[in-house]
Amino acid sequence: MQPSGTELTDAELKSYLLGLLARRDYSERELTQKLRQKQVAAEQAEALLRWLKGRGYQSNGRYARQLIQAKLHKGYGWFYINQLCAEQGLEKSLVQAVLDELNVDWLSIALDAYQKKYADKPIVDYQDKQKRMRYLQSRGFDGQVIQQLFKQL
């Protein structure tokens, strides 16, 4: 927080934001929160975000693509990814467009996550199967994908 009476100039704030974006992409919501922590007025924050977007430094589309690809690579399902993107302030239509563009094979991702966790260990009993199904559900996979996966096993 800034000491009272010392407001940051636009140039200082632009430098701060560019420094953040140099390390990784941020959603518009995250950058707004960062500016709020610095006690930047809402109108000034909006102007700064417009400046970043206008020059291509910040893009929710690029951020969504990177976030989704990272979570797919780590073996997360549709529900988890949608929830995470909503928390980051990304519009559902943007998230769906990215998922459509990536042409995600949810069954393949679920199978990879399952094999990473359980390898080739056989299912011992019904409770073990239920435990494994809950694991996949907690990773964000829907019931249909989980059922398909267990039919394949």
C-alpha atoms as a PDB file:
ATOM      1  CA  MET A   1       0.000   0.000   0.000  1.00  0.00           C
ATOM      2  CA  GLN A   2       1.079   3.485  -0.733  1.00  0.00           C
ATOM      3  CA  PRO A   3       1.505   5.995   2.083  1.00  0.00           C
ATOM      4  CA  SER A   4      -1.394   8.427   2.088  1.00  0.00           C
ATOM      5  CA  GLY A   5      -0.786  11.444  -0.075  1.00  0.00           C
ATOM      6  CA  THR A   6       1.582   9.662  -2.503  1.00  0.00           C
ATOM      7  CA  GLU A   7      -0.306   8.645  -5.575  1.00  0.00           C
ATOM      8  CA  LEU A   8       1.503   6.808  -8.317  1.00  0.00           C
ATOM      9  CA  THR A   9       1.655   8.468 -11.718  1.00  0.00           C
ATOM     10  CA  ASP A  10       0.334   6.809 -14.851  1.00  0.00           C
ATOM     11  CA  ALA A  11       3.902   6.181 -15.992  1.00  0.00           C
ATOM     12  CA  GLU A  12       4.773   4.436 -12.712  1.00  0.00           C
ATOM     13  CA  LEU A  13       1.619   2.331 -12.876  1.00  0.00           C
ATOM     14  CA  LYS A  14       2.264   1.401 -16.522  1.00  0.00           C
ATOM     15  CA  SER A  15       5.774   0.352 -15.582  1.00  0.00           C
ATOM     16  CA  TYR A  16       4.405  -1.691 -12.675  1.00  0.00           C
ATOM     17  CA  LEU A  17       1.831  -3.431 -14.894  1.00  0.00           C
ATOM     18  CA  LEU A  18       4.345  -4.128 -17.658  1.00  0.00           C
ATOM     19  CA  GLY A  19       6.671  -5.620 -15.052  1.00  0.00           C
ATOM     20  CA  LEU A  20       3.917  -7.975 -13.947  1.00  0.00           C
ATOM     21  CA  LEU A  21       3.047  -8.949 -17.513  1.00  0.00           C
ATOM     22  CA  ALA A  22       6.712  -9.523 -18.364  1.00  0.00           C
ATOM     23  CA  ARG A  23       6.742 -12.457 -15.943  1.00  0.00           C
ATOM     24  CA  ARG A  24       3.430 -14.060 -16.928  1.00  0.00           C
ATOM     25  CA  ASP A  25       0.022 -13.275 -18.404  1.00  0.00           C
ATOM     26  CA  TYR A  26      -2.709 -11.981 -16.122  1.00  0.00           C
ATOM     27  CA  SER A  27      -6.446 -11.781 -16.581  1.00  0.00           C
ATOM     28  CA  GLU A  28      -8.092  -8.388 -16.592  1.00  0.00           C
ATOM     29  CA  ARG A  29      -9.640  -9.205 -13.213  1.00  0.00           C
ATOM     30  CA  GLU A  30      -6.259 -10.036 -11.667  1.00  0.00           C
ATOM     31  CA  LEU A  31      -4.724  -6.786 -12.906  1.00  0.00           C
ATOM     32  CA  THR A  32      -7.717  -4.834 -11.603  1.00  0.00           C
ATOM     33  CA  GLN A  33      -7.177  -6.428  -8.178  1.00  0.00           C
ATOM     34  CA  LYS A  34      -3.475  -5.550  -8.271  1.00  0.00           C
ATOM     35  CA  LEU A  35      -4.335  -1.937  -9.046  1.00  0.00           C
ATOM     36  CA  ARG A  36      -6.976  -1.898  -6.305  1.00  0.00           C
ATOM     37  CA  GLN A  37      -4.296  -3.024  -3.830  1.00  0.00           C
ATOM     38  CA  LYS A  38      -2.304   0.022  -4.868  1.00  0.00           C
ATOM     39  CA  GLN A  39      -5.410   2.139  -4.208  1.00  0.00           C
ATOM     40  CA  VAL A  40      -5.769   3.246  -7.818  1.00  0.00           C
ATOM     41  CA  ALA A  41      -9.072   4.943  -8.668  1.00  0.00           C
ATOM     42  CA  ALA A  42     -11.471   2.831 -10.746  1.00  0.00           C
ATOM     43  CA  GLU A  43     -11.456   5.271 -13.696  1.00  0.00           C
ATOM     44  CA  GLN A  44      -7.652   5.348 -13.769  1.00  0.00           C
ATOM     45  CA  ALA A  45      -7.494   1.542 -13.563  1.00  0.00           C
ATOM     46  CA  GLU A  46      -9.920   1.205 -16.494  1.00  0.00           C
ATOM     47  CA  ALA A  47      -7.835   3.623 -18.558  1.00  0.00           C
ATOM     48  CA  LEU A  48      -4.649   1.701 -17.780  1.00  0.00           C
ATOM     49  CA  LEU A  49      -6.267  -1.608 -18.726  1.00  0.00           C
ATOM     50  CA  ARG A  50      -7.535  -0.102 -22.001  1.00  0.00           C
ATOM     51  CA  TRP A  51      -3.974   1.078 -22.691  1.00  0.00           C
ATOM     52  CA  LEU A  52      -2.586  -2.434 -22.052  1.00  0.00           C
ATOM     53  CA  LYS A  53      -5.220  -4.093 -24.224  1.00  0.00           C
ATOM     54  CA  GLY A  54      -4.841  -1.547 -27.018  1.00  0.00           C
ATOM     55  CA  ARG A  55      -1.150  -2.346 -27.324  1.00  0.00           C
ATOM     56  CA  GLY A  56      -1.665  -6.101 -27.043  1.00  0.00           C
ATOM     57  CA  TYR A  57       0.122  -6.418 -23.703  1.00  0.00           C
ATOM     58  CA  GLN A  58      -2.941  -7.916 -22.032  1.00  0.00           C
ATOM     59  CA  SER A  59      -5.415 -10.269 -23.649  1.00  0.00           C
ATOM     60  CA  ASN A  60      -8.023 -12.341 -21.857  1.00  0.00           C
ATOM     61  CA  GLY A  61      -8.094 -14.647 -24.883  1.00  0.00           C
ATOM     62  CA  ARG A  62      -4.362 -15.331 -24.701  1.00  0.00           C
ATOM     63  CA  TYR A  63      -4.564 -15.718 -20.916  1.00  0.00           C
ATOM     64  CA  ALA A  64      -7.505 -18.153 -21.207  1.00  0.00           C
ATOM     65  CA  ARG A  65      -5.680 -20.249 -23.788  1.00  0.00           C
ATOM     66  CA  GLN A  66      -2.545 -20.525 -21.638  1.00  0.00           C
ATOM     67  CA  LEU A  67      -4.508 -21.285 -18.479  1.00  0.00           C
ATOM     68  CA  ILE A  68      -6.645 -23.938 -20.159  1.00  0.00           C
ATOM     69  CA  GLN A  69      -3.683 -25.610 -21.854  1.00  0.00           C
ATOM     70  CA  ALA A  70      -1.788 -25.738 -18.553  1.00  0.00           C
ATOM     71  CA  LYS A  71      -4.732 -27.340 -16.733  1.00  0.00           C
ATOM     72  CA  LEU A  72      -5.362 -29.822 -19.548  1.00  0.00           C
ATOM     73  CA  HIS A  73      -1.708 -30.794 -19.424  1.00  0.00           C
ATOM     74  CA  LYS A  74      -2.030 -31.402 -15.676  1.00  0.00           C
ATOM     75  CA  GLY A  75      -5.048 -33.664 -16.207  1.00  0.00           C
ATOM     76  CA  TYR A  76      -8.013 -31.520 -15.184  1.00  0.00           C
ATOM     77  CA  GLY A  77     -11.507 -31.860 -16.587  1.00  0.00           C
ATOM     78  CA  TRP A  78     -14.134 -29.559 -18.007  1.00  0.00           C
ATOM     79  CA  PHE A  79     -15.865 -28.648 -14.720  1.00  0.00           C
ATOM     80  CA  TYR A  80     -12.602 -27.758 -12.967  1.00  0.00           C
ATOM     81  CA  ILE A  81     -11.382 -25.651 -15.885  1.00  0.00           C
ATOM     82  CA  ASN A  82     -14.696 -23.820 -16.243  1.00  0.00           C
ATOM     83  CA  GLN A  83     -14.792 -23.020 -12.522  1.00  0.00           C
ATOM     84  CA  LEU A  84     -11.206 -21.773 -12.525  1.00  0.00           C
ATOM     85  CA  CYS A  85     -11.803 -19.579 -15.571  1.00  0.00           C
ATOM     86  CA  ALA A  86     -14.939 -18.115 -13.989  1.00  0.00           C
ATOM     87  CA  GLU A  87     -12.920 -17.248 -10.880  1.00  0.00           C
ATOM     88  CA  GLN A  88     -10.444 -15.423 -13.130  1.00  0.00           C
ATOM     89  CA  GLY A  89     -13.265 -13.377 -14.647  1.00  0.00           C
ATOM     90  CA  LEU A  90     -13.149 -15.020 -18.064  1.00  0.00           C
ATOM     91  CA  GLU A  91     -16.413 -15.105 -19.999  1.00  0.00           C
ATOM     92  CA  LYS A  92     -18.001 -18.511 -20.619  1.00  0.00           C
ATOM     93  CA  SER A  93     -18.188 -17.839 -24.350  1.00  0.00           C
ATOM     94  CA  LEU A  94     -14.433 -17.132 -24.456  1.00  0.00           C
ATOM     95  CA  VAL A  95     -13.647 -20.303 -22.495  1.00  0.00           C
ATOM     96  CA  GLN A  96     -15.896 -22.390 -24.740  1.00  0.00           C
ATOM     97  CA  ALA A  97     -14.326 -20.878 -27.859  1.00  0.00           C
ATOM     98  CA  VAL A  98     -10.843 -21.796 -26.619  1.00  0.00           C
ATOM     99  CA  LEU A  99     -11.964 -25.334 -25.718  1.00  0.00           C
ATOM    100  CA  ASP A 100     -13.595 -25.732 -29.146  1.00  0.00           C
ATOM    101  CA  GLU A 101     -10.448 -24.463 -30.844  1.00  0.00           C
ATOM    102  CA  LEU A 102      -8.291 -26.920 -28.894  1.00  0.00           C
ATOM    103  CA  ASN A 103     -10.678 -29.766 -29.790  1.00  0.00           C
ATOM    104  CA  VAL A 104     -10.172 -31.433 -26.406  1.00  0.00           C
ATOM    105  CA  ASP A 105     -10.463 -35.208 -26.089  1.00  0.00           C
ATOM    106  CA  TRP A 106     -11.768 -35.392 -22.507  1.00  0.00           C
ATOM    107  CA  LEU A 107     -11.615 -39.167 -22.403  1.00  0.00           C
ATOM    108  CA  SER A 108      -7.929 -39.148 -23.299  1.00  0.00           C
ATOM    109  CA  ILE A 109      -7.176 -36.509 -20.645  1.00  0.00           C
ATOM    110  CA  ALA A 110      -9.147 -38.466 -18.032  1.00  0.00           C
ATOM    111  CA  LEU A 111      -7.328 -41.660 -18.970  1.00  0.00           C
ATOM    112  CA  ASP A 112      -3.943 -39.945 -18.628  1.00  0.00           C
ATOM    113  CA  ALA A 113      -4.907 -38.548 -15.201  1.00  0.00           C
ATOM    114  CA  TYR A 114      -6.194 -41.963 -14.109  1.00  0.00           C
ATOM    115  CA  GLN A 115      -3.069 -43.794 -15.253  1.00  0.00           C
ATOM    116  CA  LYS A 116      -0.798 -41.239 -13.631  1.00  0.00           C
ATOM    117  CA  LYS A 117      -2.562 -41.803 -10.306  1.00  0.00           C
ATOM    118  CA  TYR A 118      -3.278 -45.539 -10.434  1.00  0.00           C
ATOM    119  CA  ALA A 119      -0.875 -46.874 -13.093  1.00  0.00           C
ATOM    120  CA  ASP A 120      -1.735 -50.520 -13.759  1.00  0.00           C
ATOM    121  CA  LYS A 121      -3.045 -51.371 -10.296  1.00  0.00           C
ATOM    122  CA  PRO A 122      -6.157 -53.523 -10.689  1.00  0.00           C
ATOM    123  CA  ILE A 123      -9.436 -52.452  -9.117  1.00  0.00           C
ATOM    124  CA  VAL A 124      -9.788 -54.495  -5.932  1.00  0.00           C
ATOM    125  CA  ASP A 125     -13.492 -54.126  -5.184  1.00  0.00           C
ATOM    126  CA  TYR A 126     -16.519 -51.899  -5.590  1.00  0.00           C
ATOM    127  CA  GLN A 127     -15.290 -49.420  -2.945  1.00  0.00           C
ATOM    128  CA  ASP A 128     -11.959 -49.088  -4.736  1.00  0.00           C
ATOM    129  CA  LYS A 129     -13.784 -48.405  -8.007  1.00  0.00           C
ATOM    130  CA  GLN A 130     -15.931 -45.755  -6.297  1.00  0.00           C
ATOM    131  CA  LYS A 131     -12.808 -44.144  -4.836  1.00  0.00           C
ATOM    132  CA  ARG A 132     -11.218 -43.952  -8.271  1.00  0.00           C
ATOM    133  CA  MET A 133     -14.385 -42.510  -9.762  1.00  0.00           C
ATOM    134  CA  ARG A 134     -14.500 -39.831  -7.039  1.00  0.00           C
ATOM    135  CA  TYR A 135     -10.893 -38.971  -7.806  1.00  0.00           C
ATOM    136  CA  LEU A 136     -11.740 -38.306 -11.443  1.00  0.00           C
ATOM    137  CA  GLN A 137     -14.818 -36.362 -10.420  1.00  0.00           C
ATOM    138  CA  SER A 138     -12.716 -34.191  -8.106  1.00  0.00           C
ATOM    139  CA  ARG A 139     -10.444 -33.433 -11.085  1.00  0.00           C
ATOM    140  CA  GLY A 140     -13.457 -32.009 -12.905  1.00  0.00           C
ATOM    141  CA  PHE A 141     -14.512 -34.824 -15.219  1.00  0.00           C
ATOM    142  CA  ASP A 142     -18.207 -35.441 -15.785  1.00  0.00           C
ATOM    143  CA  GLY A 143     -19.997 -38.715 -15.177  1.00  0.00           C
ATOM    144  CA  GLN A 144     -20.254 -39.610 -18.853  1.00  0.00           C
ATOM    145  CA  VAL A 145     -16.481 -39.381 -19.386  1.00  0.00           C
ATOM    146  CA  ILE A 146     -15.834 -41.344 -16.187  1.00  0.00           C
ATOM    147  CA  GLN A 147     -18.262 -44.088 -17.265  1.00  0.00           C
ATOM    148  CA  GLN A 148     -16.620 -44.293 -20.703  1.00  0.00           C
ATOM    149  CA  LEU A 149     -13.204 -44.561 -19.093  1.00  0.00           C
ATOM    150  CA  PHE A 150     -14.239 -47.454 -16.850  1.00  0.00           C
ATOM    151  CA  LYS A 151     -15.812 -49.276 -19.803  1.00  0.00           C
ATOM    152  CA  GLN A 152     -12.428 -49.087 -21.537  1.00  0.00           C
ATOM    153  CA  LEU A 153     -10.495 -50.423 -18.544  1.00  0.00           C
END
